[in-house]
Amino acid sequence: MSPVWNALIRTHHITSRKKVAKLRQAATNYDVFALLRYGGCPGIMYCEGTESGVRNWVSTVQRLRYKDYHLVRKPAVLDTERAVRQWTPSAEFGKLEEVESVKEFGAHMQEAGVWQWWRRGMGFLHDD
């Protein structure tokens, strides 16, 4: 079984339904799980799947030319903060989910076991 990879992107905002539809299709095409914070600032995108799936999904996001695009956590092997991961992204890959608040997005990251990783990527936590 190949390792799971993930990546985190921050943008100014995510409001275009056309772009979200393209991201949803890319999640299906590349068989990844994607989570978006839709609406106001900041726009946040998380992706998880195979190495090629994550890299291709990230490339799709980049091609859509989001304002203030930042790949804050480059595609890499998933490193969970728990010995046993209890969260399965929607129990399947090939899917995109949307949340409306940073708080709700953070709750998903905590459940996924990548809370500290996410907080560092967002700039909420700094290494001493």
Protein backbone atom coordinates (compact mmCIF):
# COMPACT_ATOMS: atom_id res chain seq x y z
CA MET A 1 0.00 0.00 0.00
CA SER A 2 1.44 3.37 -1.01
CA PRO A 3 1.63 6.19 1.54
CA VAL A 4 -0.97 8.94 1.72
CA TRP A 5 0.20 12.42 0.70
CA ASN A 6 -1.28 15.81 1.54
CA ALA A 7 -0.93 19.52 0.77
CA LEU A 8 -2.33 22.82 2.04
CA ILE A 9 -3.09 25.95 0.03
CA ARG A 10 -4.11 29.41 1.24
CA THR A 11 -5.66 32.04 -1.04
CA HIS A 12 -7.31 35.41 -0.60
CA HIS A 13 -10.78 33.89 -0.93
CA ILE A 14 -12.74 31.16 -2.72
CA THR A 15 -16.00 32.49 -4.16
CA SER A 16 -16.23 31.32 -7.78
CA ARG A 17 -18.65 28.41 -8.14
CA LYS A 18 -17.11 27.70 -11.59
CA LYS A 19 -13.67 27.23 -10.04
CA VAL A 20 -15.09 25.07 -7.24
CA ALA A 21 -16.78 22.88 -9.88
CA LYS A 22 -13.40 22.46 -11.62
CA LEU A 23 -11.76 21.55 -8.30
CA ARG A 24 -14.53 19.06 -7.57
CA GLN A 25 -13.98 17.46 -11.00
CA ALA A 26 -10.20 17.39 -10.42
CA ALA A 27 -10.76 15.64 -7.05
CA THR A 28 -12.73 12.97 -8.90
CA ASN A 29 -10.25 12.73 -11.79
CA TYR A 30 -7.20 12.43 -9.52
CA ASP A 31 -8.97 10.33 -6.86
CA VAL A 32 -8.11 12.67 -3.97
CA PHE A 33 -10.05 14.02 -1.02
CA ALA A 34 -10.20 17.83 -0.98
CA LEU A 35 -11.57 20.16 1.67
CA LEU A 36 -12.28 23.85 0.91
CA ARG A 37 -13.12 26.80 3.09
CA TYR A 38 -15.58 28.56 0.77
CA GLY A 39 -16.70 32.18 1.06
CA GLY A 40 -14.75 34.98 2.71
CA CYS A 41 -11.11 35.47 3.55
CA PRO A 42 -8.99 33.43 3.79
CA GLY A 43 -9.63 30.71 1.25
CA ILE A 44 -8.16 27.41 2.47
CA MET A 45 -7.73 24.17 0.54
CA TYR A 46 -6.55 20.82 1.87
CA CYS A 47 -5.89 17.80 -0.34
CA GLU A 48 -5.03 14.20 0.46
CA GLY A 49 -4.39 11.13 -1.70
CA THR A 50 -1.63 9.48 -3.70
CA GLU A 51 1.51 11.44 -4.54
CA SER A 52 0.51 11.93 -8.18
CA GLY A 53 -3.10 12.72 -7.27
CA VAL A 54 -2.12 15.41 -4.78
CA ARG A 55 0.49 16.93 -7.11
CA ASN A 56 -1.98 17.02 -10.01
CA TRP A 57 -4.76 18.51 -7.88
CA VAL A 58 -2.41 21.23 -6.59
CA SER A 59 -1.40 21.99 -10.20
CA THR A 60 -5.07 22.37 -11.10
CA VAL A 61 -5.53 24.89 -8.27
CA GLN A 62 -2.48 26.83 -9.41
CA ARG A 63 -3.74 27.00 -13.01
CA LEU A 64 -7.01 28.55 -11.80
CA ARG A 65 -4.98 31.61 -10.76
CA TYR A 66 -6.40 32.35 -7.33
CA LYS A 67 -5.60 35.77 -5.88
CA ASP A 68 -2.81 35.61 -3.29
CA TYR A 69 -2.15 31.89 -3.97
CA HIS A 70 0.24 30.31 -1.44
CA LEU A 71 1.19 26.65 -1.36
CA VAL A 72 1.85 26.79 2.39
CA ARG A 73 2.41 23.04 2.77
CA LYS A 74 3.91 21.44 -0.32
CA PRO A 75 2.84 17.92 -1.30
CA ALA A 76 4.51 15.46 1.09
CA VAL A 77 3.84 12.17 2.83
CA LEU A 78 1.10 12.58 5.44
CA ASP A 79 2.52 12.78 8.95
CA THR A 80 -0.28 12.43 11.49
CA GLU A 81 0.04 13.57 15.07
CA ARG A 82 -1.54 10.40 16.41
CA ALA A 83 -0.17 6.88 16.36
CA VAL A 84 -3.46 5.62 14.93
CA ARG A 85 -5.45 7.80 12.60
CA GLN A 86 -9.17 7.68 13.33
CA TRP A 87 -10.36 10.02 10.57
CA THR A 88 -11.00 8.84 7.06
CA PRO A 89 -11.64 11.66 4.59
CA SER A 90 -15.31 11.17 3.77
CA ALA A 91 -14.59 7.43 3.82
CA GLU A 92 -13.51 7.75 0.19
CA PHE A 93 -11.24 9.58 -2.17
CA GLY A 94 -12.45 11.33 -5.33
CA LYS A 95 -14.54 13.81 -3.37
CA LEU A 96 -14.50 17.49 -2.49
CA GLU A 97 -16.20 18.91 0.60
CA GLU A 98 -16.81 22.54 1.54
CA VAL A 99 -16.96 24.27 4.92
CA GLU A 100 -17.86 27.89 5.63
CA SER A 101 -15.61 28.84 8.54
CA VAL A 102 -11.96 28.61 9.54
CA LYS A 103 -13.15 27.13 12.85
CA GLU A 104 -14.98 24.32 11.04
CA PHE A 105 -11.96 23.74 8.76
CA GLY A 106 -9.73 23.54 11.85
CA ALA A 107 -12.07 21.00 13.45
CA HIS A 108 -11.67 18.79 10.35
CA MET A 109 -7.88 19.16 10.56
CA GLN A 110 -7.91 18.23 14.25
CA GLU A 111 -10.05 15.19 13.54
CA ALA A 112 -7.67 14.23 10.72
CA GLY A 113 -4.71 14.30 13.08
CA VAL A 114 -2.95 17.15 11.27
CA TRP A 115 -3.92 20.02 13.62
CA GLN A 116 -0.38 21.26 14.44
CA TRP A 117 0.75 20.78 10.82
CA TRP A 118 -2.23 22.86 9.63
CA ARG A 119 -1.72 25.58 12.28
CA ARG A 120 1.95 25.95 11.28
CA GLY A 121 1.03 26.14 7.60
CA MET A 122 -1.60 28.81 8.29
CA GLY A 123 0.88 30.86 10.36
CA PHE A 124 -1.08 30.40 13.61
CA LEU A 125 1.81 28.57 15.24
CA HIS A 126 5.51 29.28 14.88
CA ASP A 127 8.54 27.11 15.59
CA ASP A 128 10.64 28.52 18.39
